[in-house]
Each structure stands twice: as C-alpha cells, then as structure tokens.
Amino acid sequence: MINQTPIVVQAADAELLAGRNPMRLLADSDASEGAFSISSGTIAAGADNAKPHFHKASWEVFCIIDGTLEMLLDDELVTVGGGGLVAVPPGVVHAFGATSDSPVSAFVFITPGVNRFDYFRVLPKILRGEIPEQELAEMHRTYDVHFTESPLWDQRGHRPT
C-alpha cells in the first residue's frame, strides 16, 4: 500500500548545502516511497550548476521561481524565466546554469524519485577530484547520473560553480 501521509517540510527544517550555489534538500525519494525527490536552490549569476549529463530512469523537472535558467537540452540551448518550467525526460542530455544578468532560483523534482541527497552532499569532493574513479563510477550508477560531453555547452563558455 502506498503511503497516504502528506509530506510537510519547513524551509528552516530542511538541510542546507551552503556554497556559491546553495541547495536546500527538501524530501528525498524515501520520504515519498520512491515517487519523487525534491530540492530547491539558487545558482549565482553567470554560474553553471551541472555539467552535461542524463538520467536513465528519472524525469528531472525544473520549476523556475526567479531569474533565468540557461539549459542544454540535447543539441539545443534554451532559456526559461521565472514562473516557467522545464521537464527533462530520461535519456535527454542536459546541463544548466544561470544567465549572466541575475541569479536563478528553482525547485527541482526528480520522478520517479532517486535517493540522491547523499550524492549532493559529496558533490564538492567530486568536483575537486577527491573521489577515486572506481568509486565515482559506482556512485553514478547508484544515483542515476551519467555524465557526457557536449560541444554546444562547451562553446558557450564554461563558468565554474
């Protein structure tokens, strides 16, 4: 039987991952018995937040609250402003960052959910190259994050996170 208990998370009770692009971990997949996971965050003006990647099993849905999100969707670059939405199906290569004019705030839903919060917690170590390659490959399988190359994303200019 599916859990019929509503999930309520106050912002003050959610775990905050600080940094240039802070992220609030609201409800991981286990809270919804695998139906979804959700986080929110802010990306600094002109900063990238994710390199080109895809998910094999999950949709990733971005609800833009404020600012403008720049996004790679396979072989296309799109921008989406506050109040807009981008729903990325499994298998679609995507990357995202904030445009240079302002920060962007968004909620990000993953459905079906993947318990990915532990991945987000260790992401700074991953970005610094501190995780051994074999361990990193296993993490990417576990968390359904599969990095790839995108000349289009690279041509627009990499902006460090």
N, C-alpha and C. Protein backbone atom coordinates (compact mmCIF):
# COMPACT_ATOMS: atom_id res chain seq x y z
N MET A 1 0.83 -1.19 0.00
CA MET A 1 0.00 0.00 0.00
C MET A 1 0.88 1.25 0.00
N ILE A 2 0.49 2.23 -0.79
CA ILE A 2 1.24 3.47 -0.88
C ILE A 2 0.95 4.34 0.34
N ASN A 3 1.99 4.97 0.84
CA ASN A 3 1.86 5.88 1.97
C ASN A 3 0.90 7.02 1.62
N GLN A 4 -0.08 7.23 2.44
CA GLN A 4 -1.06 8.30 2.21
C GLN A 4 -0.85 9.48 3.15
N THR A 5 0.32 9.55 3.80
CA THR A 5 0.61 10.63 4.73
C THR A 5 1.22 11.80 3.97
N PRO A 6 0.63 12.99 4.10
CA PRO A 6 1.23 14.16 3.45
C PRO A 6 2.65 14.41 3.96
N ILE A 7 3.45 14.98 3.11
CA ILE A 7 4.83 15.33 3.45
C ILE A 7 4.89 16.84 3.60
N VAL A 8 5.31 17.31 4.75
CA VAL A 8 5.44 18.74 5.00
C VAL A 8 6.87 19.00 5.49
N VAL A 9 7.57 19.88 4.79
CA VAL A 9 8.93 20.24 5.17
C VAL A 9 9.01 21.76 5.22
N GLN A 10 9.29 22.29 6.38
CA GLN A 10 9.51 23.73 6.52
C GLN A 10 10.92 24.06 6.04
N ALA A 11 11.10 25.20 5.42
CA ALA A 11 12.42 25.60 4.92
C ALA A 11 13.46 25.55 6.04
N ALA A 12 13.09 25.98 7.23
CA ALA A 12 14.03 26.01 8.35
C ALA A 12 14.45 24.61 8.78
N ASP A 13 13.65 23.60 8.46
CA ASP A 13 13.95 22.22 8.86
C ASP A 13 14.73 21.45 7.80
N ALA A 14 14.80 21.97 6.59
CA ALA A 14 15.50 21.28 5.50
C ALA A 14 17.00 21.48 5.64
N GLU A 15 17.75 20.48 5.22
CA GLU A 15 19.21 20.59 5.22
C GLU A 15 19.64 21.57 4.14
N LEU A 16 20.52 22.48 4.48
CA LEU A 16 21.04 23.46 3.55
C LEU A 16 22.48 23.13 3.21
N LEU A 17 22.76 22.93 1.93
CA LEU A 17 24.13 22.75 1.47
C LEU A 17 24.62 24.11 1.00
N ALA A 18 25.52 24.70 1.78
CA ALA A 18 25.98 26.06 1.51
C ALA A 18 27.00 26.05 0.38
N GLY A 19 27.34 27.21 -0.10
CA GLY A 19 28.32 27.37 -1.16
C GLY A 19 27.87 28.46 -2.11
N ARG A 20 28.57 28.58 -3.22
CA ARG A 20 28.23 29.61 -4.20
C ARG A 20 26.82 29.40 -4.75
N ASN A 21 26.44 28.13 -4.91
CA ASN A 21 25.10 27.77 -5.39
C ASN A 21 24.40 26.95 -4.31
N PRO A 22 23.87 27.60 -3.28
CA PRO A 22 23.28 26.85 -2.17
C PRO A 22 22.07 26.03 -2.59
N MET A 23 21.92 24.87 -1.95
CA MET A 23 20.83 23.95 -2.25
C MET A 23 20.15 23.53 -0.96
N ARG A 24 18.83 23.52 -0.98
CA ARG A 24 18.04 23.07 0.18
C ARG A 24 17.47 21.70 -0.16
N LEU A 25 17.80 20.69 0.66
CA LEU A 25 17.33 19.32 0.45
C LEU A 25 15.99 19.17 1.16
N LEU A 26 14.92 19.08 0.40
CA LEU A 26 13.57 19.09 0.96
C LEU A 26 13.01 17.71 1.26
N ALA A 27 12.96 16.82 0.29
CA ALA A 27 12.42 15.47 0.52
C ALA A 27 13.09 14.52 -0.45
N ASP A 28 13.86 13.57 0.09
CA ASP A 28 14.49 12.58 -0.77
C ASP A 28 13.46 11.49 -1.09
N SER A 29 13.80 10.62 -1.97
CA SER A 29 12.87 9.63 -2.50
C SER A 29 12.24 8.74 -1.43
N ASP A 30 12.99 8.43 -0.39
CA ASP A 30 12.43 7.54 0.63
C ASP A 30 11.25 8.18 1.37
N ALA A 31 11.16 9.50 1.39
CA ALA A 31 10.03 10.19 2.04
C ALA A 31 8.72 9.94 1.30
N SER A 32 8.81 9.71 -0.02
CA SER A 32 7.60 9.52 -0.84
C SER A 32 7.50 8.09 -1.37
N GLU A 33 8.22 7.17 -0.74
CA GLU A 33 8.25 5.77 -1.17
C GLU A 33 8.61 5.64 -2.65
N GLY A 34 9.55 6.48 -3.09
CA GLY A 34 10.07 6.41 -4.45
C GLY A 34 9.33 7.22 -5.49
N ALA A 35 8.27 7.91 -5.10
CA ALA A 35 7.50 8.67 -6.09
C ALA A 35 8.28 9.87 -6.61
N PHE A 36 9.01 10.57 -5.76
CA PHE A 36 9.75 11.77 -6.16
C PHE A 36 10.80 12.09 -5.14
N SER A 37 11.71 12.97 -5.52
CA SER A 37 12.57 13.68 -4.59
C SER A 37 12.56 15.13 -5.04
N ILE A 38 12.79 16.05 -4.11
CA ILE A 38 12.71 17.47 -4.44
C ILE A 38 13.73 18.27 -3.63
N SER A 39 14.34 19.21 -4.32
CA SER A 39 15.26 20.15 -3.69
C SER A 39 14.98 21.52 -4.27
N SER A 40 15.56 22.52 -3.65
CA SER A 40 15.48 23.87 -4.20
C SER A 40 16.87 24.48 -4.11
N GLY A 41 17.11 25.48 -4.92
CA GLY A 41 18.41 26.08 -4.87
C GLY A 41 18.49 27.38 -5.63
N THR A 42 19.62 28.03 -5.46
CA THR A 42 19.92 29.28 -6.15
C THR A 42 21.26 29.12 -6.84
N ILE A 43 21.31 29.53 -8.08
CA ILE A 43 22.55 29.49 -8.86
C ILE A 43 23.00 30.94 -9.04
N ALA A 44 24.24 31.21 -8.70
CA ALA A 44 24.77 32.57 -8.81
C ALA A 44 24.74 33.05 -10.27
N ALA A 45 24.56 34.35 -10.45
CA ALA A 45 24.54 34.93 -11.80
C ALA A 45 25.78 34.51 -12.57
N GLY A 46 25.57 33.99 -13.77
CA GLY A 46 26.67 33.59 -14.64
C GLY A 46 27.33 32.27 -14.30
N ALA A 47 26.82 31.55 -13.30
CA ALA A 47 27.46 30.29 -12.89
C ALA A 47 26.74 29.08 -13.47
N ASP A 48 27.52 28.05 -13.78
CA ASP A 48 26.95 26.76 -14.14
C ASP A 48 26.62 26.01 -12.87
N ASN A 49 25.67 25.08 -12.98
CA ASN A 49 25.34 24.25 -11.82
C ASN A 49 25.54 22.78 -12.11
N ALA A 50 25.38 22.37 -13.35
CA ALA A 50 25.58 20.96 -13.69
C ALA A 50 26.19 20.85 -15.08
N LYS A 51 27.17 19.97 -15.19
CA LYS A 51 27.78 19.66 -16.47
C LYS A 51 26.82 18.76 -17.26
N PRO A 52 27.04 18.60 -18.58
CA PRO A 52 26.16 17.75 -19.38
C PRO A 52 26.08 16.32 -18.82
N HIS A 53 24.85 15.87 -18.64
CA HIS A 53 24.59 14.55 -18.10
C HIS A 53 23.18 14.12 -18.50
N PHE A 54 22.84 12.88 -18.19
CA PHE A 54 21.49 12.39 -18.40
C PHE A 54 21.16 11.40 -17.30
N HIS A 55 19.89 11.08 -17.18
CA HIS A 55 19.40 10.09 -16.23
C HIS A 55 18.71 9.00 -17.04
N LYS A 56 18.95 7.75 -16.70
CA LYS A 56 18.34 6.64 -17.43
C LYS A 56 16.92 6.36 -16.98
N ALA A 57 16.61 6.63 -15.71
CA ALA A 57 15.33 6.17 -15.15
C ALA A 57 14.38 7.29 -14.74
N SER A 58 14.85 8.50 -14.60
CA SER A 58 14.03 9.55 -13.98
C SER A 58 13.86 10.77 -14.86
N TRP A 59 12.71 11.38 -14.73
CA TRP A 59 12.48 12.74 -15.24
C TRP A 59 13.10 13.70 -14.22
N GLU A 60 13.61 14.83 -14.71
CA GLU A 60 14.07 15.91 -13.83
C GLU A 60 13.29 17.15 -14.24
N VAL A 61 12.54 17.71 -13.30
CA VAL A 61 11.63 18.81 -13.58
C VAL A 61 12.11 20.05 -12.83
N PHE A 62 12.32 21.14 -13.59
CA PHE A 62 12.80 22.40 -13.03
C PHE A 62 11.66 23.41 -13.04
N CYS A 63 11.29 23.90 -11.88
CA CYS A 63 10.28 24.97 -11.75
C CYS A 63 11.04 26.24 -11.37
N ILE A 64 11.09 27.18 -12.29
CA ILE A 64 11.88 28.38 -12.10
C ILE A 64 11.07 29.38 -11.28
N ILE A 65 11.63 29.81 -10.17
CA ILE A 65 10.96 30.77 -9.29
C ILE A 65 11.29 32.20 -9.69
N ASP A 66 12.59 32.46 -9.87
CA ASP A 66 13.04 33.81 -10.16
C ASP A 66 14.32 33.73 -10.96
N GLY A 67 14.58 34.73 -11.80
CA GLY A 67 15.78 34.74 -12.62
C GLY A 67 15.55 33.98 -13.91
N THR A 68 16.64 33.69 -14.62
CA THR A 68 16.55 32.98 -15.89
C THR A 68 17.54 31.84 -15.91
N LEU A 69 17.03 30.63 -16.17
CA LEU A 69 17.84 29.43 -16.26
C LEU A 69 18.26 29.23 -17.71
N GLU A 70 19.54 29.01 -17.93
CA GLU A 70 20.05 28.64 -19.24
C GLU A 70 20.25 27.14 -19.22
N MET A 71 19.75 26.44 -20.24
CA MET A 71 19.75 25.00 -20.20
C MET A 71 20.10 24.38 -21.54
N LEU A 72 20.90 23.33 -21.48
CA LEU A 72 21.17 22.49 -22.63
C LEU A 72 20.15 21.36 -22.61
N LEU A 73 19.49 21.13 -23.74
CA LEU A 73 18.57 20.00 -23.91
C LEU A 73 18.99 19.30 -25.20
N ASP A 74 19.76 18.22 -25.06
CA ASP A 74 20.39 17.51 -26.18
C ASP A 74 21.21 18.49 -27.01
N ASP A 75 20.74 18.89 -28.19
CA ASP A 75 21.50 19.78 -29.07
C ASP A 75 20.89 21.16 -29.19
N GLU A 76 20.24 21.62 -28.13
CA GLU A 76 19.58 22.92 -28.15
C GLU A 76 19.85 23.66 -26.83
N LEU A 77 20.09 24.96 -26.92
CA LEU A 77 20.18 25.80 -25.74
C LEU A 77 18.89 26.58 -25.60
N VAL A 78 18.30 26.56 -24.41
CA VAL A 78 17.07 27.30 -24.14
C VAL A 78 17.25 28.12 -22.87
N THR A 79 16.48 29.18 -22.76
CA THR A 79 16.41 29.94 -21.51
C THR A 79 14.96 29.94 -21.05
N VAL A 80 14.79 29.85 -19.73
CA VAL A 80 13.46 29.82 -19.14
C VAL A 80 13.45 30.76 -17.95
N GLY A 81 12.49 31.69 -17.94
CA GLY A 81 12.42 32.69 -16.89
C GLY A 81 11.51 32.28 -15.74
N GLY A 82 11.48 33.14 -14.73
CA GLY A 82 10.67 32.93 -13.54
C GLY A 82 9.23 32.57 -13.89
N GLY A 83 8.70 31.57 -13.21
CA GLY A 83 7.35 31.08 -13.48
C GLY A 83 7.31 29.99 -14.53
N GLY A 84 8.43 29.75 -15.21
CA GLY A 84 8.49 28.73 -16.26
C GLY A 84 8.89 27.37 -15.71
N LEU A 85 8.84 26.39 -16.61
CA LEU A 85 9.11 25.01 -16.24
C LEU A 85 9.84 24.32 -17.37
N VAL A 86 10.76 23.42 -17.00
CA VAL A 86 11.42 22.53 -17.96
C VAL A 86 11.32 21.12 -17.38
N ALA A 87 10.77 20.18 -18.15
CA ALA A 87 10.67 18.79 -17.73
C ALA A 87 11.54 17.96 -18.68
N VAL A 88 12.59 17.38 -18.13
CA VAL A 88 13.57 16.65 -18.92
C VAL A 88 13.34 15.14 -18.76
N PRO A 89 12.94 14.46 -19.85
CA PRO A 89 12.70 13.02 -19.74
C PRO A 89 13.99 12.22 -19.64
N PRO A 90 13.89 10.96 -19.21
CA PRO A 90 15.07 10.10 -19.17
C PRO A 90 15.75 10.05 -20.53
N GLY A 91 17.08 10.02 -20.51
CA GLY A 91 17.87 9.89 -21.73
C GLY A 91 18.24 11.19 -22.40
N VAL A 92 17.62 12.30 -22.03
CA VAL A 92 17.93 13.59 -22.65
C VAL A 92 19.13 14.21 -21.94
N VAL A 93 20.17 14.52 -22.71
CA VAL A 93 21.36 15.17 -22.16
C VAL A 93 20.98 16.59 -21.79
N HIS A 94 21.34 16.98 -20.56
CA HIS A 94 21.04 18.33 -20.12
C HIS A 94 22.15 18.85 -19.21
N ALA A 95 22.24 20.16 -19.17
CA ALA A 95 23.14 20.90 -18.29
C ALA A 95 22.45 22.22 -18.01
N PHE A 96 22.82 22.89 -16.94
CA PHE A 96 22.12 24.14 -16.64
C PHE A 96 22.96 25.08 -15.80
N GLY A 97 22.61 26.36 -15.92
CA GLY A 97 23.26 27.41 -15.17
C GLY A 97 22.41 28.66 -15.22
N ALA A 98 22.86 29.69 -14.52
CA ALA A 98 22.15 30.97 -14.52
C ALA A 98 22.71 31.86 -15.62
N THR A 99 21.85 32.66 -16.22
CA THR A 99 22.34 33.65 -17.17
C THR A 99 23.16 34.69 -16.42
N SER A 100 23.93 35.48 -17.15
CA SER A 100 24.86 36.41 -16.51
C SER A 100 24.18 37.61 -15.85
N ASP A 101 22.91 37.86 -16.17
CA ASP A 101 22.27 39.07 -15.65
C ASP A 101 21.73 38.95 -14.24
N SER A 102 21.46 37.73 -13.74
CA SER A 102 20.94 37.61 -12.38
C SER A 102 21.02 36.16 -11.91
N PRO A 103 20.97 35.95 -10.60
CA PRO A 103 20.90 34.58 -10.10
C PRO A 103 19.56 33.97 -10.48
N VAL A 104 19.47 32.64 -10.41
CA VAL A 104 18.22 31.95 -10.68
C VAL A 104 17.89 31.06 -9.48
N SER A 105 16.62 31.06 -9.11
CA SER A 105 16.13 30.19 -8.03
C SER A 105 15.12 29.22 -8.62
N ALA A 106 15.19 27.96 -8.18
CA ALA A 106 14.32 26.95 -8.75
C ALA A 106 14.06 25.82 -7.76
N PHE A 107 12.95 25.12 -7.98
CA PHE A 107 12.69 23.84 -7.34
C PHE A 107 13.00 22.79 -8.39
N VAL A 108 13.60 21.67 -7.96
CA VAL A 108 13.93 20.59 -8.88
C VAL A 108 13.31 19.30 -8.34
N PHE A 109 12.43 18.71 -9.15
CA PHE A 109 11.76 17.46 -8.82
C PHE A 109 12.40 16.34 -9.64
N ILE A 110 12.58 15.20 -9.05
CA ILE A 110 13.03 14.00 -9.76
C ILE A 110 11.95 12.95 -9.57
N THR A 111 11.45 12.41 -10.70
CA THR A 111 10.40 11.41 -10.60
C THR A 111 10.57 10.34 -11.68
N PRO A 112 10.46 9.05 -11.39
CA PRO A 112 10.38 8.55 -10.03
C PRO A 112 11.61 8.96 -9.24
N GLY A 113 11.43 9.03 -7.96
CA GLY A 113 12.49 9.54 -7.10
C GLY A 113 13.69 8.63 -7.03
N VAL A 114 14.83 9.23 -6.80
CA VAL A 114 16.08 8.54 -6.55
C VAL A 114 16.64 9.17 -5.29
N ASN A 115 17.03 8.35 -4.32
CA ASN A 115 17.67 8.90 -3.13
C ASN A 115 19.02 9.47 -3.53
N ARG A 116 19.04 10.75 -3.87
CA ARG A 116 20.22 11.39 -4.43
C ARG A 116 20.86 12.39 -3.47
N PHE A 117 20.28 12.61 -2.30
CA PHE A 117 20.82 13.63 -1.41
C PHE A 117 22.24 13.31 -0.96
N ASP A 118 22.57 12.03 -0.74
CA ASP A 118 23.95 11.69 -0.36
C ASP A 118 24.92 12.08 -1.47
N TYR A 119 24.49 11.98 -2.72
CA TYR A 119 25.33 12.41 -3.84
C TYR A 119 25.57 13.92 -3.77
N PHE A 120 24.51 14.69 -3.52
CA PHE A 120 24.65 16.14 -3.43
C PHE A 120 25.59 16.52 -2.29
N ARG A 121 25.53 15.76 -1.20
CA ARG A 121 26.39 16.07 -0.04
C ARG A 121 27.88 15.88 -0.37
N VAL A 122 28.20 14.91 -1.21
CA VAL A 122 29.59 14.63 -1.54
C VAL A 122 30.05 15.34 -2.82
N LEU A 123 29.14 16.04 -3.48
CA LEU A 123 29.45 16.70 -4.75
C LEU A 123 30.67 17.63 -4.69
N PRO A 124 30.87 18.41 -3.64
CA PRO A 124 32.09 19.24 -3.61
C PRO A 124 33.37 18.41 -3.74
N LYS A 125 33.42 17.25 -3.10
CA LYS A 125 34.59 16.37 -3.22
C LYS A 125 34.72 15.83 -4.64
N ILE A 126 33.58 15.51 -5.27
CA ILE A 126 33.60 15.02 -6.64
C ILE A 126 34.18 16.09 -7.56
N LEU A 127 33.70 17.33 -7.41
CA LEU A 127 34.15 18.41 -8.27
C LEU A 127 35.63 18.74 -8.08
N ARG A 128 36.14 18.47 -6.88
CA ARG A 128 37.57 18.70 -6.61
C ARG A 128 38.43 17.50 -7.02
N GLY A 129 37.81 16.43 -7.52
CA GLY A 129 38.54 15.25 -7.96
C GLY A 129 39.05 14.39 -6.82
N GLU A 130 38.39 14.43 -5.67
CA GLU A 130 38.86 13.70 -4.49
C GLU A 130 38.26 12.30 -4.35
N ILE A 131 37.39 11.90 -5.26
CA ILE A 131 36.76 10.58 -5.19
C ILE A 131 37.46 9.67 -6.21
N PRO A 132 37.94 8.50 -5.79
CA PRO A 132 38.59 7.58 -6.73
C PRO A 132 37.64 7.22 -7.88
N GLU A 133 38.22 7.04 -9.07
CA GLU A 133 37.42 6.83 -10.29
C GLU A 133 36.45 5.66 -10.18
N GLN A 134 36.89 4.53 -9.62
CA GLN A 134 36.02 3.36 -9.50
C GLN A 134 34.84 3.66 -8.56
N GLU A 135 35.11 4.34 -7.46
CA GLU A 135 34.04 4.71 -6.52
C GLU A 135 33.08 5.70 -7.18
N LEU A 136 33.62 6.62 -7.96
CA LEU A 136 32.79 7.60 -8.65
C LEU A 136 31.89 6.92 -9.68
N ALA A 137 32.42 5.96 -10.42
CA ALA A 137 31.61 5.24 -11.41
C ALA A 137 30.45 4.51 -10.72
N GLU A 138 30.71 3.90 -9.57
CA GLU A 138 29.64 3.22 -8.83
C GLU A 138 28.60 4.21 -8.32
N MET A 139 29.05 5.36 -7.85
CA MET A 139 28.11 6.39 -7.39
C MET A 139 27.20 6.84 -8.52
N HIS A 140 27.76 7.03 -9.70
CA HIS A 140 26.96 7.49 -10.84
C HIS A 140 25.91 6.45 -11.23
N ARG A 141 26.26 5.17 -11.13
CA ARG A 141 25.26 4.13 -11.39
C ARG A 141 24.18 4.16 -10.31
N THR A 142 24.59 4.25 -9.07
CA THR A 142 23.64 4.24 -7.94
C THR A 142 22.68 5.41 -8.00
N TYR A 143 23.19 6.59 -8.31
CA TYR A 143 22.38 7.80 -8.27
C TYR A 143 21.82 8.20 -9.63
N ASP A 144 22.01 7.36 -10.66
CA ASP A 144 21.46 7.59 -11.99
C ASP A 144 21.89 8.95 -12.56
N VAL A 145 23.18 9.22 -12.46
CA VAL A 145 23.77 10.44 -13.03
C VAL A 145 24.87 9.98 -13.98
N HIS A 146 24.71 10.25 -15.27
CA HIS A 146 25.62 9.75 -16.29
C HIS A 146 26.14 10.94 -17.10
N PHE A 147 27.40 11.30 -16.84
CA PHE A 147 27.99 12.46 -17.50
C PHE A 147 28.39 12.14 -18.92
N THR A 148 28.36 13.15 -19.77
CA THR A 148 28.72 13.02 -21.17
C THR A 148 29.32 14.34 -21.64
N GLU A 149 29.71 14.38 -22.88
CA GLU A 149 30.29 15.59 -23.47
C GLU A 149 29.24 16.33 -24.30
N SER A 150 29.38 17.64 -24.37
CA SER A 150 28.53 18.46 -25.24
C SER A 150 29.34 19.63 -25.78
N PRO A 151 29.78 19.54 -27.04
CA PRO A 151 30.50 20.67 -27.63
C PRO A 151 29.67 21.96 -27.59
N LEU A 152 28.36 21.84 -27.78
CA LEU A 152 27.50 23.02 -27.74
C LEU A 152 27.58 23.71 -26.38
N TRP A 153 27.50 22.95 -25.30
CA TRP A 153 27.58 23.53 -23.95
C TRP A 153 28.96 24.13 -23.72
N ASP A 154 30.00 23.43 -24.18
CA ASP A 154 31.37 23.92 -24.00
C ASP A 154 31.61 25.21 -24.79
N GLN A 155 31.04 25.33 -25.98
CA GLN A 155 31.25 26.51 -26.83
C GLN A 155 30.66 27.76 -26.20
N ARG A 156 29.62 27.63 -25.43
CA ARG A 156 29.00 28.82 -24.85
C ARG A 156 29.85 29.37 -23.70
N GLY A 157 30.86 28.63 -23.29
CA GLY A 157 31.79 29.12 -22.26
C GLY A 157 31.49 28.51 -20.92
N HIS A 158 32.45 27.77 -20.36
CA HIS A 158 32.28 27.17 -19.06
C HIS A 158 32.44 28.22 -17.97
N ARG A 159 31.52 28.19 -17.04
CA ARG A 159 31.61 29.09 -15.88
C ARG A 159 31.64 28.23 -14.64
N PRO A 160 32.73 28.23 -13.88
CA PRO A 160 32.86 27.35 -12.73
C PRO A 160 31.74 27.55 -11.71
N THR A 161 31.38 26.46 -11.04
CA THR A 161 30.36 26.53 -9.98
C THR A 161 30.97 26.94 -8.68
